[in-house]
Structures are given as structure tokens and as C-alpha cells.
Amino acid sequence: MANHKSALKRVRQTKVRTERNRQRKNTIKTLRKDTLAAAESGDAKAAAESLSKFSSAVDKAAKKGMIHKNKAANLKRRAAKVVASAG
């Protein structure tokens, strides 16, 4: 365990950031599942709305550095492809 004040603070900060990132990643996964489910159901309006929310969340995650920008682009591309083919 860390002994210096600054090292103890870094441990606390890491714990908070890790939890925050875990929550955001879970949100992205949930939004992705919702988007794909809406596309499968055939509801084009709901699928487009869900895709918009998903894309926004992925872009924010990439902007914060949680995921790589190319991964964000690939996730959005795949989801958009499914929505387009369903609609």
C-alpha cells in the first residue's frame, strides 16, 4: 500500500475514475443492445432515436479517452449498418 500522501490520493482518484468508467461502459453496452433490439423489432423511428443516443454516448466516451476514437467509429458504423438494413 502507498505511504505518501500524494500516492494515497492517487489511489482514491483511481478508484473513483475506475467506477465512473465502468458505469459509462455499461451504459454504452446497454444503449447498443437497445439499438440492436429496436432495429430487430422493425421500428425504424425507435431504432433511429436509439442509434442517436448510442452514438452520442460513444462519442463522449471517445472524447474522454475511455475508448479509442477508432473503436468508437467502428461501434457506430456497425450499429448504423444494422439500423439501416432493418429500416
PDB file of N, CA and C in Angstrom:
ATOM      1  N   MET A   1       0.850  -1.189   0.000  1.00  0.00           N
ATOM      2  CA  MET A   1       0.000   0.000   0.000  1.00  0.00           C
ATOM      3  C   MET A   1       0.885   1.239   0.000  1.00  0.00           C
ATOM      4  N   ALA A   2       0.361   2.297  -0.573  1.00  0.00           N
ATOM      5  CA  ALA A   2       1.115   3.537  -0.693  1.00  0.00           C
ATOM      6  C   ALA A   2       1.312   4.193   0.674  1.00  0.00           C
ATOM      7  N   ASN A   3       2.415   4.890   0.806  1.00  0.00           N
ATOM      8  CA  ASN A   3       2.711   5.559   2.069  1.00  0.00           C
ATOM      9  C   ASN A   3       2.652   7.075   1.981  1.00  0.00           C
ATOM     10  N   HIS A   4       2.955   7.622   0.826  1.00  0.00           N
ATOM     11  CA  HIS A   4       2.959   9.077   0.682  1.00  0.00           C
ATOM     12  C   HIS A   4       1.555   9.607   0.502  1.00  0.00           C
ATOM     13  N   LYS A   5       1.365  10.839   0.952  1.00  0.00           N
ATOM     14  CA  LYS A   5       0.056  11.472   0.835  1.00  0.00           C
ATOM     15  C   LYS A   5      -0.412  11.508  -0.624  1.00  0.00           C
ATOM     16  N   SER A   6       0.495  11.896  -1.500  1.00  0.00           N
ATOM     17  CA  SER A   6       0.127  12.017  -2.910  1.00  0.00           C
ATOM     18  C   SER A   6      -0.223  10.660  -3.509  1.00  0.00           C
ATOM     19  N   ALA A   7       0.473   9.624  -3.081  1.00  0.00           N
ATOM     20  CA  ALA A   7       0.180   8.287  -3.594  1.00  0.00           C
ATOM     21  C   ALA A   7      -1.168   7.793  -3.086  1.00  0.00           C
ATOM     22  N   LEU A   8      -1.480   8.104  -1.843  1.00  0.00           N
ATOM     23  CA  LEU A   8      -2.792   7.737  -1.290  1.00  0.00           C
ATOM     24  C   LEU A   8      -3.907   8.454  -2.050  1.00  0.00           C
ATOM     25  N   LYS A   9      -3.672   9.706  -2.382  1.00  0.00           N
ATOM     26  CA  LYS A   9      -4.664  10.472  -3.139  1.00  0.00           C
ATOM     27  C   LYS A   9      -4.863   9.853  -4.523  1.00  0.00           C
ATOM     28  N   ARG A  10      -3.772   9.434  -5.153  1.00  0.00           N
ATOM     29  CA  ARG A  10      -3.876   8.824  -6.473  1.00  0.00           C
ATOM     30  C   ARG A  10      -4.688   7.527  -6.404  1.00  0.00           C
ATOM     31  N   VAL A  11      -4.520   6.779  -5.324  1.00  0.00           N
ATOM     32  CA  VAL A  11      -5.290   5.545  -5.150  1.00  0.00           C
ATOM     33  C   VAL A  11      -6.776   5.874  -5.078  1.00  0.00           C
ATOM     34  N   ARG A  12      -7.114   6.912  -4.308  1.00  0.00           N
ATOM     35  CA  ARG A  12      -8.526   7.323  -4.196  1.00  0.00           C
ATOM     36  C   ARG A  12      -9.071   7.785  -5.541  1.00  0.00           C
ATOM     37  N   GLN A  13      -8.288   8.586  -6.248  1.00  0.00           N
ATOM     38  CA  GLN A  13      -8.726   9.092  -7.547  1.00  0.00           C
ATOM     39  C   GLN A  13      -8.929   7.960  -8.544  1.00  0.00           C
ATOM     40  N   THR A  14      -8.023   7.015  -8.535  1.00  0.00           N
ATOM     41  CA  THR A  14      -8.121   5.881  -9.456  1.00  0.00           C
ATOM     42  C   THR A  14      -9.383   5.082  -9.189  1.00  0.00           C
ATOM     43  N   LYS A  15      -9.696   4.884  -7.922  1.00  0.00           N
ATOM     44  CA  LYS A  15     -10.885   4.125  -7.559  1.00  0.00           C
ATOM     45  C   LYS A  15     -12.156   4.815  -8.083  1.00  0.00           C
ATOM     46  N   VAL A  16     -12.221   6.128  -7.918  1.00  0.00           N
ATOM     47  CA  VAL A  16     -13.384   6.893  -8.378  1.00  0.00           C
ATOM     48  C   VAL A  16     -13.483   6.848  -9.896  1.00  0.00           C
ATOM     49  N   ARG A  17     -12.363   7.057 -10.567  1.00  0.00           N
ATOM     50  CA  ARG A  17     -12.368   7.076 -12.035  1.00  0.00           C
ATOM     51  C   ARG A  17     -12.697   5.714 -12.623  1.00  0.00           C
ATOM     52  N   THR A  18     -12.184   4.663 -11.982  1.00  0.00           N
ATOM     53  CA  THR A  18     -12.463   3.309 -12.460  1.00  0.00           C
ATOM     54  C   THR A  18     -13.957   3.018 -12.383  1.00  0.00           C
ATOM     55  N   GLU A  19     -14.571   3.391 -11.285  1.00  0.00           N
ATOM     56  CA  GLU A  19     -16.013   3.164 -11.122  1.00  0.00           C
ATOM     57  C   GLU A  19     -16.812   3.980 -12.133  1.00  0.00           C
ATOM     58  N   ARG A  20     -16.392   5.222 -12.341  1.00  0.00           N
ATOM     59  CA  ARG A  20     -17.085   6.089 -13.302  1.00  0.00           C
ATOM     60  C   ARG A  20     -16.980   5.517 -14.713  1.00  0.00           C
ATOM     61  N   ASN A  21     -15.790   5.043 -15.090  1.00  0.00           N
ATOM     62  CA  ASN A  21     -15.594   4.449 -16.413  1.00  0.00           C
ATOM     63  C   ASN A  21     -16.406   3.179 -16.567  1.00  0.00           C
ATOM     64  N   ARG A  22     -16.483   2.370 -15.494  1.00  0.00           N
ATOM     65  CA  ARG A  22     -17.247   1.129 -15.542  1.00  0.00           C
ATOM     66  C   ARG A  22     -18.729   1.438 -15.786  1.00  0.00           C
ATOM     67  N   GLN A  23     -19.245   2.450 -15.113  1.00  0.00           N
ATOM     68  CA  GLN A  23     -20.642   2.831 -15.308  1.00  0.00           C
ATOM     69  C   GLN A  23     -20.893   3.313 -16.731  1.00  0.00           C
ATOM     70  N   ARG A  24     -19.984   4.127 -17.241  1.00  0.00           N
ATOM     71  CA  ARG A  24     -20.158   4.646 -18.608  1.00  0.00           C
ATOM     72  C   ARG A  24     -20.083   3.530 -19.643  1.00  0.00           C
ATOM     73  N   LYS A  25     -19.177   2.579 -19.448  1.00  0.00           N
ATOM     74  CA  LYS A  25     -19.069   1.461 -20.387  1.00  0.00           C
ATOM     75  C   LYS A  25     -20.323   0.593 -20.339  1.00  0.00           C
ATOM     76  N   ASN A  26     -20.869   0.394 -19.148  1.00  0.00           N
ATOM     77  CA  ASN A  26     -22.110  -0.366 -19.030  1.00  0.00           C
ATOM     78  C   ASN A  26     -23.259   0.352 -19.719  1.00  0.00           C
ATOM     79  N   THR A  27     -23.288   1.663 -19.615  1.00  0.00           N
ATOM     80  CA  THR A  27     -24.323   2.450 -20.290  1.00  0.00           C
ATOM     81  C   THR A  27     -24.211   2.288 -21.799  1.00  0.00           C
ATOM     82  N   ILE A  28     -22.991   2.323 -22.311  1.00  0.00           N
ATOM     83  CA  ILE A  28     -22.779   2.158 -23.752  1.00  0.00           C
ATOM     84  C   ILE A  28     -23.263   0.784 -24.204  1.00  0.00           C
ATOM     85  N   LYS A  29     -22.919  -0.246 -23.428  1.00  0.00           N
ATOM     86  CA  LYS A  29     -23.341  -1.601 -23.785  1.00  0.00           C
ATOM     87  C   LYS A  29     -24.859  -1.715 -23.798  1.00  0.00           C
ATOM     88  N   THR A  30     -25.513  -1.110 -22.797  1.00  0.00           N
ATOM     89  CA  THR A  30     -26.971  -1.155 -22.717  1.00  0.00           C
ATOM     90  C   THR A  30     -27.601  -0.424 -23.895  1.00  0.00           C
ATOM     91  N   LEU A  31     -27.079   0.759 -24.222  1.00  0.00           N
ATOM     92  CA  LEU A  31     -27.610   1.522 -25.358  1.00  0.00           C
ATOM     93  C   LEU A  31     -27.425   0.758 -26.668  1.00  0.00           C
ATOM     94  N   ARG A  32     -26.302   0.061 -26.799  1.00  0.00           N
ATOM     95  CA  ARG A  32     -26.056  -0.738 -28.011  1.00  0.00           C
ATOM     96  C   ARG A  32     -27.082  -1.857 -28.125  1.00  0.00           C
ATOM     97  N   LYS A  33     -27.334  -2.551 -27.010  1.00  0.00           N
ATOM     98  CA  LYS A  33     -28.327  -3.625 -27.022  1.00  0.00           C
ATOM     99  C   LYS A  33     -29.714  -3.091 -27.348  1.00  0.00           C
ATOM    100  N   ASP A  34     -30.048  -1.926 -26.798  1.00  0.00           N
ATOM    101  CA  ASP A  34     -31.352  -1.313 -27.073  1.00  0.00           C
ATOM    102  C   ASP A  34     -31.485  -0.953 -28.550  1.00  0.00           C
ATOM    103  N   THR A  35     -30.408  -0.429 -29.126  1.00  0.00           N
ATOM    104  CA  THR A  35     -30.418  -0.049 -30.536  1.00  0.00           C
ATOM    105  C   THR A  35     -30.620  -1.271 -31.421  1.00  0.00           C
ATOM    106  N   LEU A  36     -29.889  -2.332 -31.150  1.00  0.00           N
ATOM    107  CA  LEU A  36     -30.000  -3.543 -31.959  1.00  0.00           C
ATOM    108  C   LEU A  36     -31.380  -4.187 -31.785  1.00  0.00           C
ATOM    109  N   ALA A  37     -31.918  -4.138 -30.585  1.00  0.00           N
ATOM    110  CA  ALA A  37     -33.250  -4.703 -30.339  1.00  0.00           C
ATOM    111  C   ALA A  37     -34.310  -3.901 -31.082  1.00  0.00           C
ATOM    112  N   ALA A  38     -34.178  -2.587 -31.086  1.00  0.00           N
ATOM    113  CA  ALA A  38     -35.134  -1.738 -31.795  1.00  0.00           C
ATOM    114  C   ALA A  38     -35.055  -1.990 -33.298  1.00  0.00           C
ATOM    115  N   ALA A  39     -33.846  -2.198 -33.809  1.00  0.00           N
ATOM    116  CA  ALA A  39     -33.677  -2.476 -35.237  1.00  0.00           C
ATOM    117  C   ALA A  39     -34.294  -3.826 -35.594  1.00  0.00           C
ATOM    118  N   GLU A  40     -34.111  -4.812 -34.710  1.00  0.00           N
ATOM    119  CA  GLU A  40     -34.682  -6.139 -34.957  1.00  0.00           C
ATOM    120  C   GLU A  40     -36.202  -6.119 -34.949  1.00  0.00           C
ATOM    121  N   SER A  41     -36.772  -5.286 -34.086  1.00  0.00           N
ATOM    122  CA  SER A  41     -38.234  -5.234 -33.977  1.00  0.00           C
ATOM    123  C   SER A  41     -38.864  -4.584 -35.209  1.00  0.00           C
ATOM    124  N   GLY A  42     -38.073  -3.830 -35.973  1.00  0.00           N
ATOM    125  CA  GLY A  42     -38.584  -3.225 -37.197  1.00  0.00           C
ATOM    126  C   GLY A  42     -39.108  -1.815 -37.012  1.00  0.00           C
ATOM    127  N   ASP A  43     -39.023  -1.279 -35.805  1.00  0.00           N
ATOM    128  CA  ASP A  43     -39.492   0.086 -35.544  1.00  0.00           C
ATOM    129  C   ASP A  43     -38.381   1.062 -35.938  1.00  0.00           C
ATOM    130  N   ALA A  44     -38.494   1.622 -37.134  1.00  0.00           N
ATOM    131  CA  ALA A  44     -37.424   2.464 -37.678  1.00  0.00           C
ATOM    132  C   ALA A  44     -37.222   3.732 -36.856  1.00  0.00           C
ATOM    133  N   LYS A  45     -38.330   4.322 -36.397  1.00  0.00           N
ATOM    134  CA  LYS A  45     -38.226   5.573 -35.628  1.00  0.00           C
ATOM    135  C   LYS A  45     -37.511   5.334 -34.301  1.00  0.00           C
ATOM    136  N   ALA A  46     -37.906   4.282 -33.589  1.00  0.00           N
ATOM    137  CA  ALA A  46     -37.268   3.965 -32.307  1.00  0.00           C
ATOM    138  C   ALA A  46     -35.803   3.587 -32.510  1.00  0.00           C
ATOM    139  N   ALA A  47     -35.526   2.868 -33.583  1.00  0.00           N
ATOM    140  CA  ALA A  47     -34.150   2.460 -33.863  1.00  0.00           C
ATOM    141  C   ALA A  47     -33.273   3.677 -34.155  1.00  0.00           C
ATOM    142  N   ALA A  48     -33.795   4.625 -34.917  1.00  0.00           N
ATOM    143  CA  ALA A  48     -33.021   5.825 -35.246  1.00  0.00           C
ATOM    144  C   ALA A  48     -32.772   6.669 -33.998  1.00  0.00           C
ATOM    145  N   GLU A  49     -33.777   6.764 -33.152  1.00  0.00           N
ATOM    146  CA  GLU A  49     -33.630   7.541 -31.913  1.00  0.00           C
ATOM    147  C   GLU A  49     -32.616   6.865 -30.983  1.00  0.00           C
ATOM    148  N   SER A  50     -32.698   5.566 -30.886  1.00  0.00           N
ATOM    149  CA  SER A  50     -31.779   4.806 -30.047  1.00  0.00           C
ATOM    150  C   SER A  50     -30.355   4.892 -30.586  1.00  0.00           C
ATOM    151  N   LEU A  51     -30.220   4.857 -31.901  1.00  0.00           N
ATOM    152  CA  LEU A  51     -28.905   4.978 -32.526  1.00  0.00           C
ATOM    153  C   LEU A  51     -28.289   6.344 -32.212  1.00  0.00           C
ATOM    154  N   SER A  52     -29.110   7.367 -32.208  1.00  0.00           N
ATOM    155  CA  SER A  52     -28.621   8.706 -31.896  1.00  0.00           C
ATOM    156  C   SER A  52     -28.071   8.773 -30.469  1.00  0.00           C
ATOM    157  N   LYS A  53     -28.804   8.207 -29.517  1.00  0.00           N
ATOM    158  CA  LYS A  53     -28.345   8.193 -28.125  1.00  0.00           C
ATOM    159  C   LYS A  53     -27.059   7.378 -27.986  1.00  0.00           C
ATOM    160  N   PHE A  54     -27.018   6.240 -28.658  1.00  0.00           N
ATOM    161  CA  PHE A  54     -25.845   5.374 -28.610  1.00  0.00           C
ATOM    162  C   PHE A  54     -24.628   6.097 -29.184  1.00  0.00           C
ATOM    163  N   SER A  55     -24.798   6.722 -30.333  1.00  0.00           N
ATOM    164  CA  SER A  55     -23.684   7.428 -30.983  1.00  0.00           C
ATOM    165  C   SER A  55     -23.158   8.548 -30.100  1.00  0.00           C
ATOM    166  N   SER A  56     -24.065   9.263 -29.459  1.00  0.00           N
ATOM    167  CA  SER A  56     -23.665  10.355 -28.578  1.00  0.00           C
ATOM    168  C   SER A  56     -22.852   9.839 -27.401  1.00  0.00           C
ATOM    169  N   ALA A  57     -23.313   8.756 -26.797  1.00  0.00           N
ATOM    170  CA  ALA A  57     -22.595   8.184 -25.654  1.00  0.00           C
ATOM    171  C   ALA A  57     -21.215   7.677 -26.060  1.00  0.00           C
ATOM    172  N   VAL A  58     -21.124   7.059 -27.230  1.00  0.00           N
ATOM    173  CA  VAL A  58     -19.837   6.545 -27.708  1.00  0.00           C
ATOM    174  C   VAL A  58     -18.886   7.699 -28.006  1.00  0.00           C
ATOM    175  N   ASP A  59     -19.394   8.759 -28.619  1.00  0.00           N
ATOM    176  CA  ASP A  59     -18.555   9.916 -28.913  1.00  0.00           C
ATOM    177  C   ASP A  59     -18.015  10.554 -27.631  1.00  0.00           C
ATOM    178  N   LYS A  60     -18.869  10.649 -26.621  1.00  0.00           N
ATOM    179  CA  LYS A  60     -18.427  11.225 -25.352  1.00  0.00           C
ATOM    180  C   LYS A  60     -17.354  10.358 -24.709  1.00  0.00           C
ATOM    181  N   ALA A  61     -17.519   9.046 -24.779  1.00  0.00           N
ATOM    182  CA  ALA A  61     -16.525   8.134 -24.210  1.00  0.00           C
ATOM    183  C   ALA A  61     -15.189   8.275 -24.935  1.00  0.00           C
ATOM    184  N   ALA A  62     -15.242   8.426 -26.251  1.00  0.00           N
ATOM    185  CA  ALA A  62     -14.012   8.588 -27.028  1.00  0.00           C
ATOM    186  C   ALA A  62     -13.356   9.934 -26.714  1.00  0.00           C
ATOM    187  N   LYS A  63     -14.170  10.937 -26.537  1.00  0.00           N
ATOM    188  CA  LYS A  63     -13.644  12.267 -26.224  1.00  0.00           C
ATOM    189  C   LYS A  63     -12.938  12.270 -24.871  1.00  0.00           C
ATOM    190  N   LYS A  64     -13.480  11.518 -23.919  1.00  0.00           N
ATOM    191  CA  LYS A  64     -12.891  11.443 -22.582  1.00  0.00           C
ATOM    192  C   LYS A  64     -11.685  10.502 -22.536  1.00  0.00           C
ATOM    193  N   GLY A  65     -11.467   9.736 -23.617  1.00  0.00           N
ATOM    194  CA  GLY A  65     -10.335   8.828 -23.662  1.00  0.00           C
ATOM    195  C   GLY A  65     -10.641   7.458 -23.080  1.00  0.00           C
ATOM    196  N   MET A  66     -11.895   7.162 -22.818  1.00  0.00           N
ATOM    197  CA  MET A  66     -12.267   5.860 -22.282  1.00  0.00           C
ATOM    198  C   MET A  66     -12.085   4.763 -23.314  1.00  0.00           C
ATOM    199  N   ILE A  67     -12.458   5.079 -24.541  1.00  0.00           N
ATOM    200  CA  ILE A  67     -12.258   4.146 -25.639  1.00  0.00           C
ATOM    201  C   ILE A  67     -11.535   4.892 -26.753  1.00  0.00           C
ATOM    202  N   HIS A  68     -10.873   4.159 -27.602  1.00  0.00           N
ATOM    203  CA  HIS A  68     -10.135   4.766 -28.703  1.00  0.00           C
ATOM    204  C   HIS A  68     -11.113   5.318 -29.735  1.00  0.00           C
ATOM    205  N   LYS A  69     -10.723   6.378 -30.425  1.00  0.00           N
ATOM    206  CA  LYS A  69     -11.623   7.010 -31.383  1.00  0.00           C
ATOM    207  C   LYS A  69     -11.976   6.081 -32.545  1.00  0.00           C
ATOM    208  N   ASN A  70     -11.036   5.198 -32.921  1.00  0.00           N
ATOM    209  CA  ASN A  70     -11.349   4.251 -33.997  1.00  0.00           C
ATOM    210  C   ASN A  70     -12.338   3.196 -33.533  1.00  0.00           C
ATOM    211  N   LYS A  71     -12.248   2.788 -32.279  1.00  0.00           N
ATOM    212  CA  LYS A  71     -13.212   1.840 -31.742  1.00  0.00           C
ATOM    213  C   LYS A  71     -14.596   2.478 -31.719  1.00  0.00           C
ATOM    214  N   ALA A  72     -14.646   3.745 -31.347  1.00  0.00           N
ATOM    215  CA  ALA A  72     -15.922   4.469 -31.334  1.00  0.00           C
ATOM    216  C   ALA A  72     -16.522   4.498 -32.740  1.00  0.00           C
ATOM    217  N   ALA A  73     -15.698   4.781 -33.715  1.00  0.00           N
ATOM    218  CA  ALA A  73     -16.170   4.843 -35.096  1.00  0.00           C
ATOM    219  C   ALA A  73     -16.675   3.477 -35.556  1.00  0.00           C
ATOM    220  N   ASN A  74     -15.955   2.415 -35.178  1.00  0.00           N
ATOM    221  CA  ASN A  74     -16.371   1.070 -35.577  1.00  0.00           C
ATOM    222  C   ASN A  74     -17.692   0.672 -34.915  1.00  0.00           C
ATOM    223  N   LEU A  75     -17.854   0.998 -33.643  1.00  0.00           N
ATOM    224  CA  LEU A  75     -19.107   0.683 -32.946  1.00  0.00           C
ATOM    225  C   LEU A  75     -20.283   1.393 -33.604  1.00  0.00           C
ATOM    226  N   LYS A  76     -20.091   2.675 -33.898  1.00  0.00           N
ATOM    227  CA  LYS A  76     -21.163   3.459 -34.516  1.00  0.00           C
ATOM    228  C   LYS A  76     -21.479   2.938 -35.922  1.00  0.00           C
ATOM    229  N   ARG A  77     -20.442   2.580 -36.678  1.00  0.00           N
ATOM    230  CA  ARG A  77     -20.640   2.090 -38.044  1.00  0.00           C
ATOM    231  C   ARG A  77     -21.448   0.799 -38.045  1.00  0.00           C
ATOM    232  N   ARG A  78     -21.074  -0.125 -37.167  1.00  0.00           N
ATOM    233  CA  ARG A  78     -21.783  -1.401 -37.123  1.00  0.00           C
ATOM    234  C   ARG A  78     -23.240  -1.227 -36.718  1.00  0.00           C
ATOM    235  N   ALA A  79     -23.478  -0.380 -35.746  1.00  0.00           N
ATOM    236  CA  ALA A  79     -24.848  -0.149 -35.282  1.00  0.00           C
ATOM    237  C   ALA A  79     -25.667   0.535 -36.377  1.00  0.00           C
ATOM    238  N   ALA A  80     -25.075   1.499 -37.065  1.00  0.00           N
ATOM    239  CA  ALA A  80     -25.787   2.197 -38.126  1.00  0.00           C
ATOM    240  C   ALA A  80     -26.123   1.248 -39.283  1.00  0.00           C
ATOM    241  N   LYS A  81     -25.223   0.334 -39.557  1.00  0.00           N
ATOM    242  CA  LYS A  81     -25.439  -0.633 -40.627  1.00  0.00           C
ATOM    243  C   LYS A  81     -26.638  -1.526 -40.311  1.00  0.00           C
ATOM    244  N   VAL A  82     -26.730  -1.971 -39.065  1.00  0.00           N
ATOM    245  CA  VAL A  82     -27.859  -2.822 -38.642  1.00  0.00           C
ATOM    246  C   VAL A  82     -29.163  -2.048 -38.716  1.00  0.00           C
ATOM    247  N   VAL A  83     -29.153  -0.798 -38.259  1.00  0.00           N
ATOM    248  CA  VAL A  83     -30.362   0.027 -38.274  1.00  0.00           C
ATOM    249  C   VAL A  83     -30.798   0.293 -39.713  1.00  0.00           C
ATOM    250  N   ALA A  84     -29.830   0.567 -40.591  1.00  0.00           N
ATOM    251  CA  ALA A  84     -30.161   0.865 -41.989  1.00  0.00           C
ATOM    252  C   ALA A  84     -30.737  -0.353 -42.710  1.00  0.00           C
ATOM    253  N   SER A  85     -30.187  -1.521 -42.404  1.00  0.00           N
ATOM    254  CA  SER A  85     -30.670  -2.721 -43.071  1.00  0.00           C
ATOM    255  C   SER A  85     -32.042  -3.139 -42.553  1.00  0.00           C
ATOM    256  N   ALA A  86     -32.343  -2.772 -41.316  1.00  0.00           N
ATOM    257  CA  ALA A  86     -33.644  -3.140 -40.729  1.00  0.00           C
ATOM    258  C   ALA A  86     -34.744  -2.189 -41.189  1.00  0.00           C
ATOM    259  N   GLY A  87     -34.359  -0.936 -41.460  1.00  0.00           N
ATOM    260  CA  GLY A  87     -35.361   0.084 -41.791  1.00  0.00           C
ATOM    261  C   GLY A  87     -35.757   0.067 -43.184  1.00  0.00           C
TER     262      GLY A  87
END
